[in-house]
Amino acid sequence: PVGTGPYMVKDWRRGEYILLQKFGSYTPAQQP
């Protein structure tokens, strides 16, 4: 998934873990 969320999928080791990494260029909405 190449999305727009605040995290990216860094690594997925099936049956062990899923690691998400912060997306440094994330653009948040300005509403509270």
PDB file of all heavy atoms in Angstrom:
ATOM      1  N   PRO A   1       0.820  -1.210   0.000  1.00  0.00           N
ATOM      2  CA  PRO A   1       0.000   0.000   0.000  1.00  0.00           C
ATOM      3  C   PRO A   1       0.858   1.265   0.000  1.00  0.00           C
ATOM      4  O   PRO A   1       1.591   1.538   0.956  1.00  0.00           O
ATOM      5  CB  PRO A   1      -0.802  -0.119   1.302  1.00  0.00           C
ATOM      6  CG  PRO A   1       0.059  -0.948   2.202  1.00  0.00           C
ATOM      7  CD  PRO A   1       0.820  -1.892   1.311  1.00  0.00           C
ATOM      8  N   VAL A   2       0.778   2.013  -1.083  1.00  0.00           N
ATOM      9  CA  VAL A   2       1.406   3.334  -1.143  1.00  0.00           C
ATOM     10  C   VAL A   2       0.281   4.330  -0.920  1.00  0.00           C
ATOM     11  O   VAL A   2      -0.422   4.728  -1.850  1.00  0.00           O
ATOM     12  CB  VAL A   2       2.114   3.563  -2.490  1.00  0.00           C
ATOM     13  CG1 VAL A   2       2.784   4.938  -2.519  1.00  0.00           C
ATOM     14  CG2 VAL A   2       3.146   2.469  -2.745  1.00  0.00           C
ATOM     15  N   GLY A   3       0.074   4.668   0.347  1.00  0.00           N
ATOM     16  CA  GLY A   3      -1.056   5.499   0.733  1.00  0.00           C
ATOM     17  C   GLY A   3      -0.636   6.879   1.172  1.00  0.00           C
ATOM     18  O   GLY A   3       0.470   7.345   0.852  1.00  0.00           O
ATOM     19  N   THR A   4      -1.533   7.528   1.922  1.00  0.00           N
ATOM     20  CA  THR A   4      -1.286   8.898   2.387  1.00  0.00           C
ATOM     21  C   THR A   4      -1.291   8.995   3.907  1.00  0.00           C
ATOM     22  O   THR A   4      -1.246  10.091   4.455  1.00  0.00           O
ATOM     23  CB  THR A   4      -2.367   9.847   1.830  1.00  0.00           C
ATOM     24  OG1 THR A   4      -3.653   9.422   2.321  1.00  0.00           O
ATOM     25  CG2 THR A   4      -2.376   9.870   0.315  1.00  0.00           C
ATOM     26  N   GLY A   5      -1.374   7.871   4.609  1.00  0.00           N
ATOM     27  CA  GLY A   5      -1.509   7.882   6.058  1.00  0.00           C
ATOM     28  C   GLY A   5      -0.230   8.258   6.785  1.00  0.00           C
ATOM     29  O   GLY A   5       0.854   8.346   6.182  1.00  0.00           O
ATOM     30  N   PRO A   6      -0.312   8.455   8.106  1.00  0.00           N
ATOM     31  CA  PRO A   6       0.853   8.880   8.888  1.00  0.00           C
ATOM     32  C   PRO A   6       1.922   7.806   9.054  1.00  0.00           C
ATOM     33  O   PRO A   6       3.023   8.097   9.506  1.00  0.00           O
ATOM     34  CB  PRO A   6       0.249   9.267  10.242  1.00  0.00           C
ATOM     35  CG  PRO A   6      -1.057   8.549  10.309  1.00  0.00           C
ATOM     36  CD  PRO A   6      -1.545   8.436   8.903  1.00  0.00           C
ATOM     37  N   TYR A   7       1.602   6.555   8.703  1.00  0.00           N
ATOM     38  CA  TYR A   7       2.585   5.469   8.792  1.00  0.00           C
ATOM     39  C   TYR A   7       2.624   4.685   7.489  1.00  0.00           C
ATOM     40  O   TYR A   7       1.645   4.643   6.731  1.00  0.00           O
ATOM     41  CB  TYR A   7       2.252   4.533   9.956  1.00  0.00           C
ATOM     42  CG  TYR A   7       2.617   5.124  11.297  1.00  0.00           C
ATOM     43  CD1 TYR A   7       1.691   5.898  12.006  1.00  0.00           C
ATOM     44  CD2 TYR A   7       3.885   4.950  11.840  1.00  0.00           C
ATOM     45  CE1 TYR A   7       2.028   6.465  13.224  1.00  0.00           C
ATOM     46  CE2 TYR A   7       4.229   5.516  13.062  1.00  0.00           C
ATOM     47  CZ  TYR A   7       3.303   6.272  13.736  1.00  0.00           C
ATOM     48  OH  TYR A   7       3.644   6.849  14.939  1.00  0.00           O
ATOM     49  N   MET A   8       3.786   4.066   7.237  1.00  0.00           N
ATOM     50  CA  MET A   8       3.998   3.206   6.072  1.00  0.00           C
ATOM     51  C   MET A   8       4.309   1.792   6.566  1.00  0.00           C
ATOM     52  O   MET A   8       4.822   1.617   7.674  1.00  0.00           O
ATOM     53  CB  MET A   8       5.187   3.703   5.246  1.00  0.00           C
ATOM     54  CG  MET A   8       5.117   5.154   4.844  1.00  0.00           C
ATOM     55  SD  MET A   8       6.627   5.696   3.977  1.00  0.00           S
ATOM     56  CE  MET A   8       7.808   5.725   5.342  1.00  0.00           C
ATOM     57  N   VAL A   9       4.012   0.785   5.746  1.00  0.00           N
ATOM     58  CA  VAL A   9       4.386  -0.582   6.081  1.00  0.00           C
ATOM     59  C   VAL A   9       5.878  -0.739   5.823  1.00  0.00           C
ATOM     60  O   VAL A   9       6.339  -0.680   4.679  1.00  0.00           O
ATOM     61  CB  VAL A   9       3.590  -1.610   5.260  1.00  0.00           C
ATOM     62  CG1 VAL A   9       4.084  -3.023   5.576  1.00  0.00           C
ATOM     63  CG2 VAL A   9       2.094  -1.499   5.560  1.00  0.00           C
ATOM     64  N   LYS A  10       6.657  -0.908   6.892  1.00  0.00           N
ATOM     65  CA  LYS A  10       8.102  -1.074   6.790  1.00  0.00           C
ATOM     66  C   LYS A  10       8.478  -2.537   6.562  1.00  0.00           C
ATOM     67  O   LYS A  10       9.330  -2.863   5.735  1.00  0.00           O
ATOM     68  CB  LYS A  10       8.759  -0.552   8.066  1.00  0.00           C
ATOM     69  CG  LYS A  10      10.266  -0.807   8.184  1.00  0.00           C
ATOM     70  CD  LYS A  10      11.047   0.001   7.184  1.00  0.00           C
ATOM     71  CE  LYS A  10      12.543  -0.147   7.450  1.00  0.00           C
ATOM     72  NZ  LYS A  10      13.359   0.545   6.411  1.00  0.00           N
ATOM     73  N   ASP A  11       7.833  -3.436   7.323  1.00  0.00           N
ATOM     74  CA  ASP A  11       8.188  -4.852   7.241  1.00  0.00           C
ATOM     75  C   ASP A  11       7.000  -5.686   7.717  1.00  0.00           C
ATOM     76  O   ASP A  11       6.275  -5.282   8.621  1.00  0.00           O
ATOM     77  CB  ASP A  11       9.420  -5.130   8.117  1.00  0.00           C
ATOM     78  CG  ASP A  11      10.004  -6.516   7.898  1.00  0.00           C
ATOM     79  OD1 ASP A  11       9.694  -7.127   6.853  1.00  0.00           O
ATOM     80  OD2 ASP A  11      10.770  -6.985   8.763  1.00  0.00           O
ATOM     81  N   TRP A  12       6.828  -6.822   7.083  1.00  0.00           N
ATOM     82  CA  TRP A  12       5.792  -7.776   7.511  1.00  0.00           C
ATOM     83  C   TRP A  12       6.400  -9.163   7.472  1.00  0.00           C
ATOM     84  O   TRP A  12       6.702  -9.679   6.407  1.00  0.00           O
ATOM     85  CB  TRP A  12       4.562  -7.688   6.597  1.00  0.00           C
ATOM     86  CG  TRP A  12       3.495  -8.705   6.908  1.00  0.00           C
ATOM     87  CD1 TRP A  12       3.288  -9.350   8.093  1.00  0.00           C
ATOM     88  CD2 TRP A  12       2.483  -9.193   6.017  1.00  0.00           C
ATOM     89  NE1 TRP A  12       2.210 -10.198   8.015  1.00  0.00           N
ATOM     90  CE2 TRP A  12       1.698 -10.124   6.742  1.00  0.00           C
ATOM     91  CE3 TRP A  12       2.159  -8.928   4.692  1.00  0.00           C
ATOM     92  CZ2 TRP A  12       0.620 -10.791   6.169  1.00  0.00           C
ATOM     93  CZ3 TRP A  12       1.078  -9.592   4.119  1.00  0.00           C
ATOM     94  CH2 TRP A  12       0.315 -10.504   4.855  1.00  0.00           C
ATOM     95  N   ARG A  13       6.600  -9.732   8.635  1.00  0.00           N
ATOM     96  CA  ARG A  13       7.070 -11.108   8.743  1.00  0.00           C
ATOM     97  C   ARG A  13       5.888 -11.954   9.193  1.00  0.00           C
ATOM     98  O   ARG A  13       5.459 -11.893  10.351  1.00  0.00           O
ATOM     99  CB  ARG A  13       8.234 -11.215   9.735  1.00  0.00           C
ATOM    100  CG  ARG A  13       9.443 -10.412   9.269  1.00  0.00           C
ATOM    101  CD  ARG A  13      10.704 -10.798   9.972  1.00  0.00           C
ATOM    102  NE  ARG A  13      11.833 -10.006   9.496  1.00  0.00           N
ATOM    103  CZ  ARG A  13      13.085 -10.134   9.954  1.00  0.00           C
ATOM    104  NH1 ARG A  13      13.346 -11.019  10.902  1.00  0.00           N
ATOM    105  NH2 ARG A  13      14.053  -9.381   9.463  1.00  0.00           N
ATOM    106  N   ARG A  14       5.372 -12.735   8.239  1.00  0.00           N
ATOM    107  CA  ARG A  14       4.130 -13.459   8.476  1.00  0.00           C
ATOM    108  C   ARG A  14       4.241 -14.346   9.710  1.00  0.00           C
ATOM    109  O   ARG A  14       5.204 -15.089   9.877  1.00  0.00           O
ATOM    110  CB  ARG A  14       3.770 -14.293   7.253  1.00  0.00           C
ATOM    111  CG  ARG A  14       3.426 -13.448   6.033  1.00  0.00           C
ATOM    112  CD  ARG A  14       3.197 -14.294   4.800  1.00  0.00           C
ATOM    113  NE  ARG A  14       3.001 -13.477   3.617  1.00  0.00           N
ATOM    114  CZ  ARG A  14       1.824 -13.080   3.155  1.00  0.00           C
ATOM    115  NH1 ARG A  14       0.718 -13.426   3.796  1.00  0.00           N
ATOM    116  NH2 ARG A  14       1.739 -12.337   2.069  1.00  0.00           N
ATOM    117  N   GLY A  15       3.220 -14.245  10.544  1.00  0.00           N
ATOM    118  CA  GLY A  15       3.175 -15.030  11.765  1.00  0.00           C
ATOM    119  C   GLY A  15       4.008 -14.469  12.891  1.00  0.00           C
ATOM    120  O   GLY A  15       3.967 -14.981  14.015  1.00  0.00           O
ATOM    121  N   GLU A  16       4.766 -13.386  12.639  1.00  0.00           N
ATOM    122  CA  GLU A  16       5.630 -12.809  13.670  1.00  0.00           C
ATOM    123  C   GLU A  16       5.221 -11.379  14.022  1.00  0.00           C
ATOM    124  O   GLU A  16       4.831 -11.104  15.153  1.00  0.00           O
ATOM    125  CB  GLU A  16       7.089 -12.831  13.209  1.00  0.00           C
ATOM    126  CG  GLU A  16       7.665 -14.226  13.015  1.00  0.00           C
ATOM    127  CD  GLU A  16       9.127 -14.179  12.626  1.00  0.00           C
ATOM    128  OE1 GLU A  16       9.835 -13.245  13.059  1.00  0.00           O
ATOM    129  OE2 GLU A  16       9.570 -15.058  11.864  1.00  0.00           O
ATOM    130  N   TYR A  17       5.308 -10.461  13.044  1.00  0.00           N
ATOM    131  CA  TYR A  17       4.977  -9.076  13.354  1.00  0.00           C
ATOM    132  C   TYR A  17       4.733  -8.282  12.071  1.00  0.00           C
ATOM    133  O   TYR A  17       5.093  -8.702  10.967  1.00  0.00           O
ATOM    134  CB  TYR A  17       6.081  -8.404  14.172  1.00  0.00           C
ATOM    135  CG  TYR A  17       7.411  -8.260  13.456  1.00  0.00           C
ATOM    136  CD1 TYR A  17       7.629  -7.236  12.531  1.00  0.00           C
ATOM    137  CD2 TYR A  17       8.458  -9.140  13.697  1.00  0.00           C
ATOM    138  CE1 TYR A  17       8.836  -7.096  11.871  1.00  0.00           C
ATOM    139  CE2 TYR A  17       9.680  -9.018  13.045  1.00  0.00           C
ATOM    140  CZ  TYR A  17       9.855  -7.986  12.136  1.00  0.00           C
ATOM    141  OH  TYR A  17      11.052  -7.850  11.484  1.00  0.00           O
ATOM    142  N   ILE A  18       4.120  -7.108  12.263  1.00  0.00           N
ATOM    143  CA  ILE A  18       3.973  -6.110  11.215  1.00  0.00           C
ATOM    144  C   ILE A  18       4.568  -4.823  11.771  1.00  0.00           C
ATOM    145  O   ILE A  18       4.175  -4.366  12.855  1.00  0.00           O
ATOM    146  CB  ILE A  18       2.492  -5.869  10.826  1.00  0.00           C
ATOM    147  CG1 ILE A  18       1.807  -7.184  10.488  1.00  0.00           C
ATOM    148  CG2 ILE A  18       2.383  -4.898   9.651  1.00  0.00           C
ATOM    149  CD1 ILE A  18       1.048  -7.776  11.651  1.00  0.00           C
ATOM    150  N   LEU A  19       5.515  -4.239  11.059  1.00  0.00           N
ATOM    151  CA  LEU A  19       6.206  -3.031  11.523  1.00  0.00           C
ATOM    152  C   LEU A  19       5.807  -1.854  10.649  1.00  0.00           C
ATOM    153  O   LEU A  19       5.976  -1.887   9.423  1.00  0.00           O
ATOM    154  CB  LEU A  19       7.717  -3.232  11.476  1.00  0.00           C
ATOM    155  CG  LEU A  19       8.573  -2.061  11.984  1.00  0.00           C
ATOM    156  CD1 LEU A  19       8.335  -1.848  13.489  1.00  0.00           C
ATOM    157  CD2 LEU A  19      10.050  -2.312  11.700  1.00  0.00           C
ATOM    158  N   LEU A  20       5.274  -0.815  11.291  1.00  0.00           N
ATOM    159  CA  LEU A  20       4.931   0.425  10.595  1.00  0.00           C
ATOM    160  C   LEU A  20       5.961   1.494  10.934  1.00  0.00           C
ATOM    161  O   LEU A  20       6.420   1.594  12.072  1.00  0.00           O
ATOM    162  CB  LEU A  20       3.538   0.915  11.008  1.00  0.00           C
ATOM    163  CG  LEU A  20       2.364  -0.052  10.848  1.00  0.00           C
ATOM    164  CD1 LEU A  20       1.064   0.655  11.192  1.00  0.00           C
ATOM    165  CD2 LEU A  20       2.304  -0.639   9.450  1.00  0.00           C
ATOM    166  N   GLN A  21       6.315   2.297   9.938  1.00  0.00           N
ATOM    167  CA  GLN A  21       7.284   3.374  10.116  1.00  0.00           C
ATOM    168  C   GLN A  21       6.625   4.719   9.869  1.00  0.00           C
ATOM    169  O   GLN A  21       5.801   4.871   8.961  1.00  0.00           O
ATOM    170  CB  GLN A  21       8.461   3.200   9.152  1.00  0.00           C
ATOM    171  CG  GLN A  21       9.536   4.266   9.296  1.00  0.00           C
ATOM    172  CD  GLN A  21      10.703   4.034   8.340  1.00  0.00           C
ATOM    173  OE1 GLN A  21      10.638   3.188   7.465  1.00  0.00           O
ATOM    174  NE2 GLN A  21      11.775   4.790   8.525  1.00  0.00           N
ATOM    175  N   LYS A  22       6.997   5.703  10.670  1.00  0.00           N
ATOM    176  CA  LYS A  22       6.457   7.054  10.539  1.00  0.00           C
ATOM    177  C   LYS A  22       6.739   7.613   9.151  1.00  0.00           C
ATOM    178  O   LYS A  22       7.846   7.488   8.621  1.00  0.00           O
ATOM    179  CB  LYS A  22       7.083   7.947  11.609  1.00  0.00           C
ATOM    180  CG  LYS A  22       6.659   9.399  11.584  1.00  0.00           C
ATOM    181  CD  LYS A  22       7.360  10.154  12.698  1.00  0.00           C
ATOM    182  CE  LYS A  22       7.021  11.641  12.682  1.00  0.00           C
ATOM    183  NZ  LYS A  22       7.705  12.343  13.810  1.00  0.00           N
ATOM    184  N   PHE A  23       5.731   8.239   8.535  1.00  0.00           N
ATOM    185  CA  PHE A  23       5.886   8.902   7.242  1.00  0.00           C
ATOM    186  C   PHE A  23       6.209  10.368   7.509  1.00  0.00           C
ATOM    187  O   PHE A  23       5.353  11.132   7.953  1.00  0.00           O
ATOM    188  CB  PHE A  23       4.612   8.747   6.417  1.00  0.00           C
ATOM    189  CG  PHE A  23       4.609   9.498   5.116  1.00  0.00           C
ATOM    190  CD1 PHE A  23       5.736   9.546   4.311  1.00  0.00           C
ATOM    191  CD2 PHE A  23       3.462  10.149   4.676  1.00  0.00           C
ATOM    192  CE1 PHE A  23       5.741  10.234   3.112  1.00  0.00           C
ATOM    193  CE2 PHE A  23       3.445  10.828   3.476  1.00  0.00           C
ATOM    194  CZ  PHE A  23       4.584  10.881   2.690  1.00  0.00           C
ATOM    195  N   GLY A  24       7.453  10.744   7.262  1.00  0.00           N
ATOM    196  CA  GLY A  24       7.924  12.077   7.632  1.00  0.00           C
ATOM    197  C   GLY A  24       7.260  13.214   6.886  1.00  0.00           C
ATOM    198  O   GLY A  24       7.229  14.345   7.381  1.00  0.00           O
ATOM    199  N   SER A  25       6.704  12.957   5.710  1.00  0.00           N
ATOM    200  CA  SER A  25       6.078  14.018   4.912  1.00  0.00           C
ATOM    201  C   SER A  25       4.557  13.977   5.000  1.00  0.00           C
ATOM    202  O   SER A  25       3.869  14.481   4.099  1.00  0.00           O
ATOM    203  CB  SER A  25       6.521  13.890   3.448  1.00  0.00           C
ATOM    204  OG  SER A  25       7.919  14.048   3.324  1.00  0.00           O
ATOM    205  N   TYR A  26       4.039  13.362   6.064  1.00  0.00           N
ATOM    206  CA  TYR A  26       2.583  13.284   6.215  1.00  0.00           C
ATOM    207  C   TYR A  26       1.983  14.679   6.311  1.00  0.00           C
ATOM    208  O   TYR A  26       2.503  15.555   7.016  1.00  0.00           O
ATOM    209  CB  TYR A  26       2.209  12.477   7.450  1.00  0.00           C
ATOM    210  CG  TYR A  26       0.716  12.416   7.689  1.00  0.00           C
ATOM    211  CD1 TYR A  26      -0.113  11.730   6.811  1.00  0.00           C
ATOM    212  CD2 TYR A  26       0.138  13.065   8.778  1.00  0.00           C
ATOM    213  CE1 TYR A  26      -1.483  11.677   7.005  1.00  0.00           C
ATOM    214  CE2 TYR A  26      -1.231  13.017   8.987  1.00  0.00           C
ATOM    215  CZ  TYR A  26      -2.042  12.330   8.099  1.00  0.00           C
ATOM    216  OH  TYR A  26      -3.399  12.287   8.288  1.00  0.00           O
ATOM    217  N   THR A  27       0.858  14.881   5.610  1.00  0.00           N
ATOM    218  CA  THR A  27       0.168  16.172   5.597  1.00  0.00           C
ATOM    219  C   THR A  27      -1.172  16.025   6.294  1.00  0.00           C
ATOM    220  O   THR A  27      -2.124  15.488   5.725  1.00  0.00           O
ATOM    221  CB  THR A  27      -0.060  16.657   4.154  1.00  0.00           C
ATOM    222  OG1 THR A  27       1.174  16.600   3.435  1.00  0.00           O
ATOM    223  CG2 THR A  27      -0.598  18.075   4.148  1.00  0.00           C
ATOM    224  N   PRO A  28      -1.272  16.464   7.547  1.00  0.00           N
ATOM    225  CA  PRO A  28      -2.533  16.261   8.278  1.00  0.00           C
ATOM    226  C   PRO A  28      -3.602  17.264   7.882  1.00  0.00           C
ATOM    227  O   PRO A  28      -3.309  18.357   7.395  1.00  0.00           O
ATOM    228  CB  PRO A  28      -2.111  16.479   9.740  1.00  0.00           C
ATOM    229  CG  PRO A  28      -0.971  17.440   9.652  1.00  0.00           C
ATOM    230  CD  PRO A  28      -0.242  17.109   8.370  1.00  0.00           C
ATOM    231  N   ALA A  29      -4.850  16.870   8.106  1.00  0.00           N
ATOM    232  CA  ALA A  29      -5.954  17.827   7.996  1.00  0.00           C
ATOM    233  C   ALA A  29      -5.816  18.850   9.112  1.00  0.00           C
ATOM    234  O   ALA A  29      -5.261  18.565  10.178  1.00  0.00           O
ATOM    235  CB  ALA A  29      -7.286  17.095   8.092  1.00  0.00           C
ATOM    236  N   GLN A  30      -6.322  20.026   8.885  1.00  0.00           N
ATOM    237  CA  GLN A  30      -6.154  21.099   9.869  1.00  0.00           C
ATOM    238  C   GLN A  30      -7.319  21.208  10.854  1.00  0.00           C
ATOM    239  O   GLN A  30      -7.240  21.959  11.822  1.00  0.00           O
ATOM    240  CB  GLN A  30      -5.950  22.432   9.145  1.00  0.00           C
ATOM    241  CG  GLN A  30      -4.645  22.493   8.362  1.00  0.00           C
ATOM    242  CD  GLN A  30      -3.429  22.128   9.214  1.00  0.00           C
ATOM    243  OE1 GLN A  30      -3.173  22.756  10.255  1.00  0.00           O
ATOM    244  NE2 GLN A  30      -2.693  21.102   8.802  1.00  0.00           N
ATOM    245  N   GLN A  31      -8.389  20.457  10.624  1.00  0.00           N
ATOM    246  CA  GLN A  31      -9.497  20.474  11.587  1.00  0.00           C
ATOM    247  C   GLN A  31      -9.058  19.759  12.872  1.00  0.00           C
ATOM    248  O   GLN A  31      -8.181  18.891  12.837  1.00  0.00           O
ATOM    249  CB  GLN A  31     -10.722  19.773  10.993  1.00  0.00           C
ATOM    250  CG  GLN A  31     -11.384  20.527   9.853  1.00  0.00           C
ATOM    251  CD  GLN A  31     -10.613  20.395   8.547  1.00  0.00           C
ATOM    252  OE1 GLN A  31      -9.789  19.500   8.401  1.00  0.00           O
ATOM    253  NE2 GLN A  31     -10.865  21.294   7.619  1.00  0.00           N
ATOM    254  N   PRO A  32      -9.649  20.110  14.002  1.00  0.00           N
ATOM    255  CA  PRO A  32      -9.285  19.430  15.258  1.00  0.00           C
ATOM    256  C   PRO A  32      -9.522  17.929  15.167  1.00  0.00           C
ATOM    257  O   PRO A  32     -10.415  17.480  14.433  1.00  0.00           O
ATOM    258  CB  PRO A  32     -10.230  20.076  16.286  1.00  0.00           C
ATOM    259  CG  PRO A  32     -10.635  21.380  15.681  1.00  0.00           C
ATOM    260  CD  PRO A  32     -10.662  21.165  14.200  1.00  0.00           C
TER     261      PRO A  32
END
